[in-house]
């Protein structure tokens, strides 16, 4: 859970770029595969 909290804090930083966001999301999916359904891209 510490890792997940660390990622959420990093995502809130003002100086984060899209490449870093993609890497962080990929790491969350790898470490917490149960989050995959919540992180899927959706089109409405």
N, C-alpha and C. Protein backbone atom coordinates (compact mmCIF):
# COMPACT_ATOMS: atom_id res chain seq x y z
N UNK A 1 0.81 -1.19 0.00
CA UNK A 1 0.00 0.00 0.00
C UNK A 1 0.86 1.26 0.00
N UNK A 2 2.04 1.17 0.60
CA UNK A 2 2.95 2.33 0.61
C UNK A 2 3.30 2.76 -0.81
N UNK A 3 3.57 1.77 -1.66
CA UNK A 3 3.93 2.06 -3.05
C UNK A 3 2.77 2.76 -3.76
N UNK A 4 1.55 2.28 -3.54
CA UNK A 4 0.38 2.87 -4.17
C UNK A 4 0.21 4.32 -3.73
N UNK A 5 0.37 4.59 -2.45
CA UNK A 5 0.27 5.95 -1.93
C UNK A 5 1.36 6.84 -2.52
N UNK A 6 2.54 6.29 -2.69
CA UNK A 6 3.64 7.04 -3.29
C UNK A 6 3.30 7.46 -4.72
N UNK A 7 2.70 6.53 -5.46
CA UNK A 7 2.32 6.83 -6.85
C UNK A 7 1.26 7.91 -6.88
N UNK A 8 0.26 7.84 -6.02
CA UNK A 8 -0.79 8.85 -6.04
C UNK A 8 -0.25 10.24 -5.70
N UNK A 9 0.73 10.30 -4.81
CA UNK A 9 1.36 11.59 -4.49
C UNK A 9 2.14 12.13 -5.68
N UNK A 10 2.87 11.24 -6.38
CA UNK A 10 3.64 11.67 -7.55
C UNK A 10 2.72 12.19 -8.65
N UNK A 11 1.56 11.56 -8.80
CA UNK A 11 0.61 11.99 -9.84
C UNK A 11 0.04 13.38 -9.56
N UNK A 12 0.13 13.84 -8.33
CA UNK A 12 -0.39 15.15 -7.97
C UNK A 12 0.64 16.27 -8.11
N UNK A 13 1.87 15.93 -8.44
CA UNK A 13 2.93 16.93 -8.59
C UNK A 13 2.66 17.82 -9.80
N UNK A 14 3.02 19.08 -9.68
CA UNK A 14 2.82 20.03 -10.77
C UNK A 14 3.77 19.80 -11.93
N UNK A 15 4.95 19.25 -11.66
CA UNK A 15 5.96 19.13 -12.71
C UNK A 15 6.01 17.75 -13.38
N UNK A 16 4.99 16.93 -13.19
CA UNK A 16 4.98 15.60 -13.80
C UNK A 16 4.55 15.72 -15.27
N UNK A 17 5.20 14.92 -16.12
CA UNK A 17 4.83 14.95 -17.54
C UNK A 17 4.11 13.66 -17.92
N UNK A 18 3.56 13.64 -19.13
CA UNK A 18 2.74 12.52 -19.57
C UNK A 18 3.52 11.20 -19.59
N UNK A 19 4.77 11.24 -19.97
CA UNK A 19 5.59 10.02 -19.99
C UNK A 19 5.71 9.43 -18.59
N UNK A 20 5.92 10.29 -17.60
CA UNK A 20 6.01 9.81 -16.22
C UNK A 20 4.68 9.24 -15.74
N UNK A 21 3.58 9.88 -16.13
CA UNK A 21 2.26 9.38 -15.76
C UNK A 21 2.06 7.98 -16.33
N UNK A 22 2.41 7.79 -17.58
CA UNK A 22 2.27 6.47 -18.21
C UNK A 22 3.09 5.41 -17.48
N UNK A 23 4.31 5.75 -17.12
CA UNK A 23 5.16 4.80 -16.40
C UNK A 23 4.58 4.46 -15.02
N UNK A 24 4.06 5.47 -14.35
CA UNK A 24 3.49 5.23 -13.03
C UNK A 24 2.24 4.36 -13.12
N UNK A 25 1.38 4.64 -14.09
CA UNK A 25 0.16 3.84 -14.25
C UNK A 25 0.52 2.40 -14.61
N UNK A 26 1.49 2.24 -15.48
CA UNK A 26 1.94 0.89 -15.84
C UNK A 26 2.47 0.14 -14.61
N UNK A 27 3.19 0.84 -13.75
CA UNK A 27 3.72 0.19 -12.55
C UNK A 27 2.60 -0.20 -11.59
N UNK A 28 1.57 0.63 -11.50
CA UNK A 28 0.42 0.29 -10.65
C UNK A 28 -0.28 -0.95 -11.19
N UNK A 29 -0.48 -1.00 -12.50
CA UNK A 29 -1.13 -2.16 -13.11
C UNK A 29 -0.31 -3.43 -12.87
N UNK A 30 1.01 -3.31 -12.97
CA UNK A 30 1.88 -4.46 -12.74
C UNK A 30 1.84 -4.92 -11.28
N UNK A 31 1.94 -3.96 -10.37
CA UNK A 31 1.99 -4.29 -8.94
C UNK A 31 0.62 -4.63 -8.35
N UNK A 32 -0.41 -4.02 -8.90
CA UNK A 32 -1.77 -4.21 -8.38
C UNK A 32 -2.70 -4.56 -9.53
N UNK A 33 -2.59 -5.78 -10.01
CA UNK A 33 -3.34 -6.19 -11.20
C UNK A 33 -4.86 -6.07 -11.01
N UNK A 34 -5.33 -6.06 -9.80
CA UNK A 34 -6.76 -5.92 -9.55
C UNK A 34 -7.28 -4.54 -9.92
N UNK A 35 -6.39 -3.56 -10.11
CA UNK A 35 -6.82 -2.20 -10.49
C UNK A 35 -7.02 -2.04 -11.98
N UNK A 36 -6.72 -3.07 -12.75
CA UNK A 36 -6.78 -2.97 -14.20
C UNK A 36 -8.15 -2.52 -14.69
N UNK A 37 -9.22 -3.05 -14.14
CA UNK A 37 -10.56 -2.67 -14.57
C UNK A 37 -10.85 -1.20 -14.31
N UNK A 38 -10.34 -0.65 -13.21
CA UNK A 38 -10.57 0.75 -12.89
C UNK A 38 -9.72 1.70 -13.72
N UNK A 39 -8.64 1.21 -14.30
CA UNK A 39 -7.71 2.07 -15.03
C UNK A 39 -7.83 1.93 -16.54
N UNK A 40 -8.81 1.16 -17.02
CA UNK A 40 -8.97 1.00 -18.46
C UNK A 40 -9.44 2.31 -19.08
N UNK A 41 -8.91 2.63 -20.26
CA UNK A 41 -9.41 3.84 -20.94
C UNK A 41 -10.84 3.60 -21.41
N UNK A 42 -11.65 4.63 -21.32
CA UNK A 42 -13.04 4.52 -21.77
C UNK A 42 -13.35 5.65 -22.73
N UNK A 43 -14.26 5.37 -23.64
CA UNK A 43 -14.71 6.38 -24.60
C UNK A 43 -16.20 6.55 -24.39
N UNK A 44 -16.62 7.81 -24.27
CA UNK A 44 -18.06 8.03 -24.12
C UNK A 44 -18.58 8.97 -25.17
